[in-house]
Amino acid sequence: MTTWQVVRIVAGLFILLSLALGIPASPVFHSQWWLAFTAFVGANLLQSGFTNWCLMETMLRKLGIKPGC
C-alpha cells in the first residue's frame, strides 16, 4: 500500500466512526460533539486538495510506507 491509499482509508474510517458516534439515531451514539471531528477530517482533506500537502502522509513516509501518486 502507498501513503495516499492509507490516508484515504484512515480518513474514511475516521469519518464513518465519528458519524456513528455523533448521530443520535446511531446505536453507538455517544455525543454530537463527534460531528466536530467529522468536520475536522473533511477540512483537512479539503486543505490537502488545495495545497497538495498532508501531515499524515508525511508521517507515514517517515514510518517507511512508500509514497504513491
N, C-alpha and C. Protein backbone atom coordinates (compact mmCIF):
# COMPACT_ATOMS: atom_id res chain seq x y z
N MET A 1 0.83 -1.18 0.00
CA MET A 1 0.00 0.00 0.00
C MET A 1 0.88 1.24 0.00
N THR A 2 0.36 2.28 -0.60
CA THR A 2 1.10 3.54 -0.64
C THR A 2 0.48 4.52 0.36
N THR A 3 1.20 5.61 0.60
CA THR A 3 0.76 6.58 1.60
C THR A 3 -0.60 7.17 1.25
N TRP A 4 -0.84 7.48 0.01
CA TRP A 4 -2.13 8.10 -0.34
C TRP A 4 -3.28 7.13 -0.12
N GLN A 5 -3.04 5.84 -0.31
CA GLN A 5 -4.09 4.86 -0.07
C GLN A 5 -4.40 4.76 1.43
N VAL A 6 -3.35 4.74 2.25
CA VAL A 6 -3.53 4.65 3.70
C VAL A 6 -4.25 5.89 4.22
N VAL A 7 -3.86 7.07 3.72
CA VAL A 7 -4.51 8.31 4.16
C VAL A 7 -6.00 8.27 3.86
N ARG A 8 -6.37 7.84 2.68
CA ARG A 8 -7.78 7.82 2.31
C ARG A 8 -8.57 6.77 3.09
N ILE A 9 -7.95 5.63 3.35
CA ILE A 9 -8.61 4.59 4.15
C ILE A 9 -8.83 5.09 5.58
N VAL A 10 -7.80 5.68 6.18
CA VAL A 10 -7.92 6.17 7.55
C VAL A 10 -8.93 7.31 7.62
N ALA A 11 -8.91 8.23 6.65
CA ALA A 11 -9.87 9.34 6.64
C ALA A 11 -11.30 8.80 6.54
N GLY A 12 -11.51 7.83 5.68
CA GLY A 12 -12.83 7.23 5.54
C GLY A 12 -13.29 6.55 6.82
N LEU A 13 -12.39 5.82 7.46
CA LEU A 13 -12.72 5.17 8.73
C LEU A 13 -13.04 6.20 9.82
N PHE A 14 -12.24 7.27 9.90
CA PHE A 14 -12.48 8.32 10.89
C PHE A 14 -13.84 8.97 10.68
N ILE A 15 -14.18 9.24 9.43
CA ILE A 15 -15.46 9.88 9.13
C ILE A 15 -16.62 8.96 9.51
N LEU A 16 -16.55 7.71 9.10
CA LEU A 16 -17.63 6.78 9.42
C LEU A 16 -17.76 6.57 10.93
N LEU A 17 -16.64 6.43 11.62
CA LEU A 17 -16.66 6.23 13.07
C LEU A 17 -17.24 7.45 13.78
N SER A 18 -16.78 8.65 13.39
CA SER A 18 -17.27 9.85 14.07
C SER A 18 -18.74 10.11 13.76
N LEU A 19 -19.20 9.75 12.57
CA LEU A 19 -20.63 9.86 12.28
C LEU A 19 -21.43 8.88 13.13
N ALA A 20 -20.94 7.66 13.26
CA ALA A 20 -21.63 6.66 14.08
C ALA A 20 -21.72 7.12 15.54
N LEU A 21 -20.68 7.76 16.03
CA LEU A 21 -20.66 8.21 17.42
C LEU A 21 -21.41 9.53 17.62
N GLY A 22 -21.64 10.29 16.53
CA GLY A 22 -22.21 11.62 16.67
C GLY A 22 -23.65 11.79 16.25
N ILE A 23 -24.22 10.82 15.56
CA ILE A 23 -25.61 10.94 15.11
C ILE A 23 -26.52 10.26 16.12
N PRO A 24 -27.49 11.01 16.66
CA PRO A 24 -28.35 10.46 17.72
C PRO A 24 -29.09 9.17 17.35
N ALA A 25 -29.39 8.95 16.09
CA ALA A 25 -30.12 7.74 15.69
C ALA A 25 -29.23 6.50 15.66
N SER A 26 -27.93 6.69 15.81
CA SER A 26 -26.99 5.56 15.75
C SER A 26 -27.07 4.73 17.03
N PRO A 27 -26.94 3.41 16.89
CA PRO A 27 -26.96 2.57 18.11
C PRO A 27 -25.72 2.75 19.00
N VAL A 28 -24.67 3.34 18.47
CA VAL A 28 -23.45 3.56 19.27
C VAL A 28 -23.25 5.05 19.58
N PHE A 29 -24.34 5.82 19.51
CA PHE A 29 -24.27 7.27 19.77
C PHE A 29 -23.62 7.56 21.12
N HIS A 30 -22.73 8.55 21.10
CA HIS A 30 -22.08 8.96 22.34
C HIS A 30 -22.33 10.44 22.62
N SER A 31 -22.00 11.30 21.64
CA SER A 31 -22.17 12.73 21.80
C SER A 31 -22.17 13.38 20.42
N GLN A 32 -22.97 14.45 20.28
CA GLN A 32 -22.98 15.14 19.00
C GLN A 32 -21.67 15.88 18.72
N TRP A 33 -20.83 16.02 19.72
CA TRP A 33 -19.54 16.67 19.53
C TRP A 33 -18.63 15.86 18.61
N TRP A 34 -18.92 14.58 18.42
CA TRP A 34 -18.13 13.77 17.48
C TRP A 34 -18.27 14.30 16.05
N LEU A 35 -19.34 15.01 15.77
CA LEU A 35 -19.51 15.58 14.43
C LEU A 35 -18.47 16.66 14.14
N ALA A 36 -17.92 17.27 15.19
CA ALA A 36 -16.83 18.23 15.01
C ALA A 36 -15.59 17.52 14.46
N PHE A 37 -15.38 16.29 14.88
CA PHE A 37 -14.25 15.51 14.36
C PHE A 37 -14.45 15.20 12.88
N THR A 38 -15.70 14.93 12.49
CA THR A 38 -16.01 14.71 11.08
C THR A 38 -15.65 15.96 10.28
N ALA A 39 -16.02 17.13 10.78
CA ALA A 39 -15.71 18.39 10.11
C ALA A 39 -14.19 18.61 10.04
N PHE A 40 -13.48 18.25 11.09
CA PHE A 40 -12.02 18.40 11.11
C PHE A 40 -11.36 17.55 10.02
N VAL A 41 -11.79 16.30 9.91
CA VAL A 41 -11.24 15.41 8.87
C VAL A 41 -11.55 15.96 7.49
N GLY A 42 -12.79 16.40 7.29
CA GLY A 42 -13.18 16.98 6.00
C GLY A 42 -12.38 18.22 5.66
N ALA A 43 -12.15 19.09 6.64
CA ALA A 43 -11.37 20.31 6.41
C ALA A 43 -9.93 19.97 6.05
N ASN A 44 -9.37 18.95 6.68
CA ASN A 44 -8.01 18.54 6.35
C ASN A 44 -7.92 17.96 4.95
N LEU A 45 -8.93 17.19 4.54
CA LEU A 45 -8.95 16.67 3.17
C LEU A 45 -9.06 17.81 2.16
N LEU A 46 -9.89 18.79 2.46
CA LEU A 46 -10.04 19.96 1.59
C LEU A 46 -8.72 20.73 1.49
N GLN A 47 -8.10 20.96 2.63
CA GLN A 47 -6.81 21.67 2.66
C GLN A 47 -5.76 20.94 1.85
N SER A 48 -5.70 19.62 1.98
CA SER A 48 -4.66 18.87 1.26
C SER A 48 -4.93 18.87 -0.24
N GLY A 49 -6.20 18.99 -0.63
CA GLY A 49 -6.52 19.08 -2.05
C GLY A 49 -6.01 20.37 -2.67
N PHE A 50 -6.05 21.46 -1.90
CA PHE A 50 -5.59 22.75 -2.42
C PHE A 50 -4.08 22.91 -2.31
N THR A 51 -3.48 22.41 -1.24
CA THR A 51 -2.05 22.64 -1.00
C THR A 51 -1.17 21.50 -1.47
N ASN A 52 -1.78 20.34 -1.74
CA ASN A 52 -1.03 19.14 -2.14
C ASN A 52 -0.06 18.70 -1.04
N TRP A 53 -0.43 18.95 0.23
CA TRP A 53 0.36 18.53 1.37
C TRP A 53 -0.56 17.99 2.46
N CYS A 54 -0.16 16.87 3.06
CA CYS A 54 -0.95 16.25 4.11
C CYS A 54 0.01 15.79 5.20
N LEU A 55 -0.22 16.22 6.44
CA LEU A 55 0.65 15.87 7.55
C LEU A 55 0.70 14.37 7.76
N MET A 56 -0.44 13.70 7.67
CA MET A 56 -0.46 12.26 7.89
C MET A 56 0.38 11.54 6.84
N GLU A 57 0.33 12.01 5.61
CA GLU A 57 1.13 11.39 4.56
C GLU A 57 2.63 11.57 4.84
N THR A 58 3.00 12.73 5.35
CA THR A 58 4.39 12.97 5.73
C THR A 58 4.83 12.02 6.84
N MET A 59 3.96 11.82 7.83
CA MET A 59 4.29 10.92 8.94
C MET A 59 4.38 9.47 8.45
N LEU A 60 3.50 9.08 7.55
CA LEU A 60 3.55 7.72 7.02
C LEU A 60 4.83 7.46 6.24
N ARG A 61 5.30 8.46 5.50
CA ARG A 61 6.57 8.31 4.78
C ARG A 61 7.72 8.09 5.75
N LYS A 62 7.70 8.82 6.88
CA LYS A 62 8.75 8.66 7.89
C LYS A 62 8.70 7.29 8.54
N LEU A 63 7.52 6.67 8.55
CA LEU A 63 7.37 5.32 9.08
C LEU A 63 7.79 4.26 8.08
N GLY A 64 8.13 4.68 6.86
CA GLY A 64 8.63 3.74 5.88
C GLY A 64 7.63 3.26 4.84
N ILE A 65 6.43 3.82 4.84
CA ILE A 65 5.46 3.43 3.83
C ILE A 65 5.79 4.17 2.55
N LYS A 66 5.79 3.44 1.44
CA LYS A 66 6.24 4.05 0.19
C LYS A 66 5.23 5.09 -0.31
N PRO A 67 5.76 6.20 -0.82
CA PRO A 67 4.88 7.23 -1.37
C PRO A 67 4.20 6.75 -2.64
N GLY A 68 3.03 7.24 -2.89
CA GLY A 68 2.30 6.89 -4.10
C GLY A 68 1.84 8.12 -4.82
N CYS A 69 1.40 7.92 -6.06
CA CYS A 69 0.92 9.08 -6.82
C CYS A 69 -0.50 8.90 -7.23
